[in-house]
Amino acid sequence: MTQPQPGLRSVWIGHAAEKQVDVVTPRIGELVTADQPFTSNRWWEEVR
């Protein structure tokens, strides 16, 4: 039950970030996109 939680959260964050990028300026979007992979990688390593 601990594995599906972080995975779902990662997907949700991705969707929200994409939607926010459309609403927020592209500058913030680039920052979020750059932060996304880093956080995702870290989560994957922790989960693994």
PDB file of N, CA and C in Angstrom:
ATOM      1  N   MET A   1       0.844  -1.215   0.000  1.00  0.00           N
ATOM      2  CA  MET A   1       0.000   0.000   0.000  1.00  0.00           C
ATOM      3  C   MET A   1       0.875   1.259   0.000  1.00  0.00           C
ATOM      4  N   THR A   2       2.156   1.076   0.324  1.00  0.00           N
ATOM      5  CA  THR A   2       3.038   2.255   0.333  1.00  0.00           C
ATOM      6  C   THR A   2       3.540   2.568  -1.074  1.00  0.00           C
ATOM      7  N   GLN A   3       3.641   1.551  -1.930  1.00  0.00           N
ATOM      8  CA  GLN A   3       4.164   1.791  -3.285  1.00  0.00           C
ATOM      9  C   GLN A   3       3.150   2.531  -4.160  1.00  0.00           C
ATOM     10  N   PRO A   4       1.894   2.081  -4.202  1.00  0.00           N
ATOM     11  CA  PRO A   4       0.896   2.747  -5.061  1.00  0.00           C
ATOM     12  C   PRO A   4       0.652   4.194  -4.653  1.00  0.00           C
ATOM     13  N   GLN A   5       0.841   4.504  -3.387  1.00  0.00           N
ATOM     14  CA  GLN A   5       0.592   5.886  -2.920  1.00  0.00           C
ATOM     15  C   GLN A   5       1.550   6.876  -3.580  1.00  0.00           C
ATOM     16  N   PRO A   6       2.870   6.674  -3.473  1.00  0.00           N
ATOM     17  CA  PRO A   6       3.825   7.616  -4.076  1.00  0.00           C
ATOM     18  C   PRO A   6       3.668   7.669  -5.584  1.00  0.00           C
ATOM     19  N   GLY A   7       3.417   6.508  -6.210  1.00  0.00           N
ATOM     20  CA  GLY A   7       3.244   6.482  -7.663  1.00  0.00           C
ATOM     21  C   GLY A   7       2.072   7.354  -8.083  1.00  0.00           C
ATOM     22  N   LEU A   8       0.934   7.164  -7.422  1.00  0.00           N
ATOM     23  CA  LEU A   8      -0.246   7.964  -7.776  1.00  0.00           C
ATOM     24  C   LEU A   8       0.042   9.438  -7.539  1.00  0.00           C
ATOM     25  N   ARG A   9       0.730   9.721  -6.464  1.00  0.00           N
ATOM     26  CA  ARG A   9       1.021  11.125  -6.139  1.00  0.00           C
ATOM     27  C   ARG A   9       1.886  11.728  -7.251  1.00  0.00           C
ATOM     28  N   SER A  10       2.859  10.962  -7.719  1.00  0.00           N
ATOM     29  CA  SER A  10       3.762  11.464  -8.769  1.00  0.00           C
ATOM     30  C   SER A  10       2.943  11.806 -10.020  1.00  0.00           C
ATOM     31  N   VAL A  11       2.044  10.907 -10.390  1.00  0.00           N
ATOM     32  CA  VAL A  11       1.212  11.140 -11.587  1.00  0.00           C
ATOM     33  C   VAL A  11       0.354  12.377 -11.378  1.00  0.00           C
ATOM     34  N   TRP A  12      -0.245  12.478 -10.204  1.00  0.00           N
ATOM     35  CA  TRP A  12      -1.111  13.638  -9.918  1.00  0.00           C
ATOM     36  C   TRP A  12      -0.306  14.926 -10.025  1.00  0.00           C
ATOM     37  N   ILE A  13       0.886  14.946  -9.435  1.00  0.00           N
ATOM     38  CA  ILE A  13       1.731  16.150  -9.477  1.00  0.00           C
ATOM     39  C   ILE A  13       2.022  16.508 -10.932  1.00  0.00           C
ATOM     40  N   GLY A  14       2.331  15.493 -11.738  1.00  0.00           N
ATOM     41  CA  GLY A  14       2.626  15.745 -13.149  1.00  0.00           C
ATOM     42  C   GLY A  14       1.436  16.396 -13.837  1.00  0.00           C
ATOM     43  N   HIS A  15       0.239  15.840 -13.643  1.00  0.00           N
ATOM     44  CA  HIS A  15      -0.963  16.403 -14.275  1.00  0.00           C
ATOM     45  C   HIS A  15      -1.196  17.837 -13.816  1.00  0.00           C
ATOM     46  N   ALA A  16      -1.087  18.045 -12.517  1.00  0.00           N
ATOM     47  CA  ALA A  16      -1.327  19.397 -11.972  1.00  0.00           C
ATOM     48  C   ALA A  16      -0.282  20.362 -12.515  1.00  0.00           C
ATOM     49  N   ALA A  17       0.957  19.916 -12.586  1.00  0.00           N
ATOM     50  CA  ALA A  17       2.031  20.795 -13.091  1.00  0.00           C
ATOM     51  C   ALA A  17       1.742  21.175 -14.538  1.00  0.00           C
ATOM     52  N   GLU A  18       1.327  20.209 -15.349  1.00  0.00           N
ATOM     53  CA  GLU A  18       1.036  20.501 -16.765  1.00  0.00           C
ATOM     54  C   GLU A  18      -0.100  21.508 -16.866  1.00  0.00           C
ATOM     55  N   LYS A  19      -1.148  21.297 -16.083  1.00  0.00           N
ATOM     56  CA  LYS A  19      -2.308  22.217 -16.134  1.00  0.00           C
ATOM     57  C   LYS A  19      -1.879  23.600 -15.644  1.00  0.00           C
ATOM     58  N   GLN A  20      -1.080  23.629 -14.599  1.00  0.00           N
ATOM     59  CA  GLN A  20      -0.624  24.913 -14.052  1.00  0.00           C
ATOM     60  C   GLN A  20       0.239  25.635 -15.078  1.00  0.00           C
ATOM     61  N   VAL A  21       1.061  24.895 -15.766  1.00  0.00           N
ATOM     62  CA  VAL A  21       1.947  25.512 -16.769  1.00  0.00           C
ATOM     63  C   VAL A  21       1.095  26.263 -17.789  1.00  0.00           C
ATOM     64  N   ASP A  22      -0.047  25.674 -18.154  1.00  0.00           N
ATOM     65  CA  ASP A  22      -0.929  26.331 -19.138  1.00  0.00           C
ATOM     66  C   ASP A  22      -1.478  27.633 -18.563  1.00  0.00           C
ATOM     67  N   VAL A  23      -1.811  27.605 -17.278  1.00  0.00           N
ATOM     68  CA  VAL A  23      -2.397  28.796 -16.642  1.00  0.00           C
ATOM     69  C   VAL A  23      -1.297  29.782 -16.247  1.00  0.00           C
ATOM     70  N   VAL A  24      -0.280  29.257 -15.570  1.00  0.00           N
ATOM     71  CA  VAL A  24       0.824  30.128 -15.132  1.00  0.00           C
ATOM     72  C   VAL A  24       1.752  30.424 -16.313  1.00  0.00           C
ATOM     73  N   THR A  25       2.596  31.436 -16.152  1.00  0.00           N
ATOM     74  CA  THR A  25       3.513  31.794 -17.239  1.00  0.00           C
ATOM     75  C   THR A  25       4.440  30.615 -17.568  1.00  0.00           C
ATOM     76  N   PRO A  26       5.009  30.610 -18.755  1.00  0.00           N
ATOM     77  CA  PRO A  26       5.898  29.501 -19.151  1.00  0.00           C
ATOM     78  C   PRO A  26       7.166  29.456 -18.298  1.00  0.00           C
ATOM     79  N   ARG A  27       7.556  30.598 -17.756  1.00  0.00           N
ATOM     80  CA  ARG A  27       8.784  30.625 -16.940  1.00  0.00           C
ATOM     81  C   ARG A  27       8.605  29.697 -15.736  1.00  0.00           C
ATOM     82  N   ILE A  28       7.523  29.854 -15.025  1.00  0.00           N
ATOM     83  CA  ILE A  28       7.286  29.001 -13.843  1.00  0.00           C
ATOM     84  C   ILE A  28       7.168  27.545 -14.305  1.00  0.00           C
ATOM     85  N   GLY A  29       6.545  27.359 -15.462  1.00  0.00           N
ATOM     86  CA  GLY A  29       6.384  25.996 -15.985  1.00  0.00           C
ATOM     87  C   GLY A  29       7.737  25.324 -16.176  1.00  0.00           C
ATOM     88  N   GLU A  30       8.683  26.064 -16.742  1.00  0.00           N
ATOM     89  CA  GLU A  30      10.006  25.476 -16.967  1.00  0.00           C
ATOM     90  C   GLU A  30      10.629  25.068 -15.629  1.00  0.00           C
ATOM     91  N   LEU A  31      10.453  25.915 -14.632  1.00  0.00           N
ATOM     92  CA  LEU A  31      11.023  25.610 -13.312  1.00  0.00           C
ATOM     93  C   LEU A  31      10.389  24.343 -12.757  1.00  0.00           C
ATOM     94  N   VAL A  32       9.068  24.261 -12.874  1.00  0.00           N
ATOM     95  CA  VAL A  32       8.356  23.083 -12.344  1.00  0.00           C
ATOM     96  C   VAL A  32       8.802  21.830 -13.095  1.00  0.00           C
ATOM     97  N   THR A  33       8.928  21.963 -14.421  1.00  0.00           N
ATOM     98  CA  THR A  33       9.330  20.792 -15.216  1.00  0.00           C
ATOM     99  C   THR A  33      10.735  20.336 -14.814  1.00  0.00           C
ATOM    100  N   ALA A  34      11.610  21.298 -14.551  1.00  0.00           N
ATOM    101  CA  ALA A  34      12.983  20.937 -14.177  1.00  0.00           C
ATOM    102  C   ALA A  34      12.990  20.304 -12.784  1.00  0.00           C
ATOM    103  N   ASP A  35      12.103  20.764 -11.925  1.00  0.00           N
ATOM    104  CA  ASP A  35      12.057  20.213 -10.560  1.00  0.00           C
ATOM    105  C   ASP A  35      11.355  18.854 -10.561  1.00  0.00           C
ATOM    106  N   GLN A  36      10.442  18.663 -11.487  1.00  0.00           N
ATOM    107  CA  GLN A  36       9.661  17.415 -11.528  1.00  0.00           C
ATOM    108  C   GLN A  36      10.546  16.179 -11.665  1.00  0.00           C
ATOM    109  N   PRO A  37      11.371  16.100 -12.709  1.00  0.00           N
ATOM    110  CA  PRO A  37      12.208  14.910 -12.897  1.00  0.00           C
ATOM    111  C   PRO A  37      13.107  14.633 -11.691  1.00  0.00           C
ATOM    112  N   PHE A  38      13.643  15.703 -11.117  1.00  0.00           N
ATOM    113  CA  PHE A  38      14.531  15.526  -9.964  1.00  0.00           C
ATOM    114  C   PHE A  38      13.773  14.885  -8.805  1.00  0.00           C
ATOM    115  N   THR A  39      12.578  15.414  -8.510  1.00  0.00           N
ATOM    116  CA  THR A  39      11.787  14.858  -7.410  1.00  0.00           C
ATOM    117  C   THR A  39      11.365  13.427  -7.742  1.00  0.00           C
ATOM    118  N   SER A  40      10.981  13.201  -8.996  1.00  0.00           N
ATOM    119  CA  SER A  40      10.528  11.867  -9.404  1.00  0.00           C
ATOM    120  C   SER A  40      11.680  10.867  -9.222  1.00  0.00           C
ATOM    121  N   ASN A  41      12.843  11.239  -9.684  1.00  0.00           N
ATOM    122  CA  ASN A  41      14.008  10.351  -9.563  1.00  0.00           C
ATOM    123  C   ASN A  41      14.273  10.031  -8.097  1.00  0.00           C
ATOM    124  N   ARG A  42      14.211  11.053  -7.274  1.00  0.00           N
ATOM    125  CA  ARG A  42      14.501  10.842  -5.848  1.00  0.00           C
ATOM    126  C   ARG A  42      13.441   9.900  -5.270  1.00  0.00           C
ATOM    127  N   TRP A  43      12.202  10.118  -5.586  1.00  0.00           N
ATOM    128  CA  TRP A  43      11.126   9.260  -5.065  1.00  0.00           C
ATOM    129  C   TRP A  43      11.355   7.819  -5.504  1.00  0.00           C
ATOM    130  N   TRP A  44      11.680   7.654  -6.790  1.00  0.00           N
ATOM    131  CA  TRP A  44      11.896   6.298  -7.315  1.00  0.00           C
ATOM    132  C   TRP A  44      13.016   5.607  -6.536  1.00  0.00           C
ATOM    133  N   GLU A  45      14.094   6.337  -6.322  1.00  0.00           N
ATOM    134  CA  GLU A  45      15.229   5.747  -5.592  1.00  0.00           C
ATOM    135  C   GLU A  45      14.799   5.358  -4.181  1.00  0.00           C
ATOM    136  N   GLU A  46      14.026   6.230  -3.549  1.00  0.00           N
ATOM    137  CA  GLU A  46      13.590   5.934  -2.165  1.00  0.00           C
ATOM    138  C   GLU A  46      12.657   4.726  -2.170  1.00  0.00           C
ATOM    139  N   VAL A  47      11.746   4.691  -3.131  1.00  0.00           N
ATOM    140  CA  VAL A  47      10.788   3.571  -3.202  1.00  0.00           C
ATOM    141  C   VAL A  47      11.523   2.270  -3.506  1.00  0.00           C
ATOM    142  N   ARG A  48      12.496   2.363  -4.395  1.00  0.00           N
ATOM    143  CA  ARG A  48      13.235   1.165  -4.771  1.00  0.00           C
ATOM    144  C   ARG A  48      14.052   0.696  -3.579  1.00  0.00           C
TER     145      ARG A  48
END
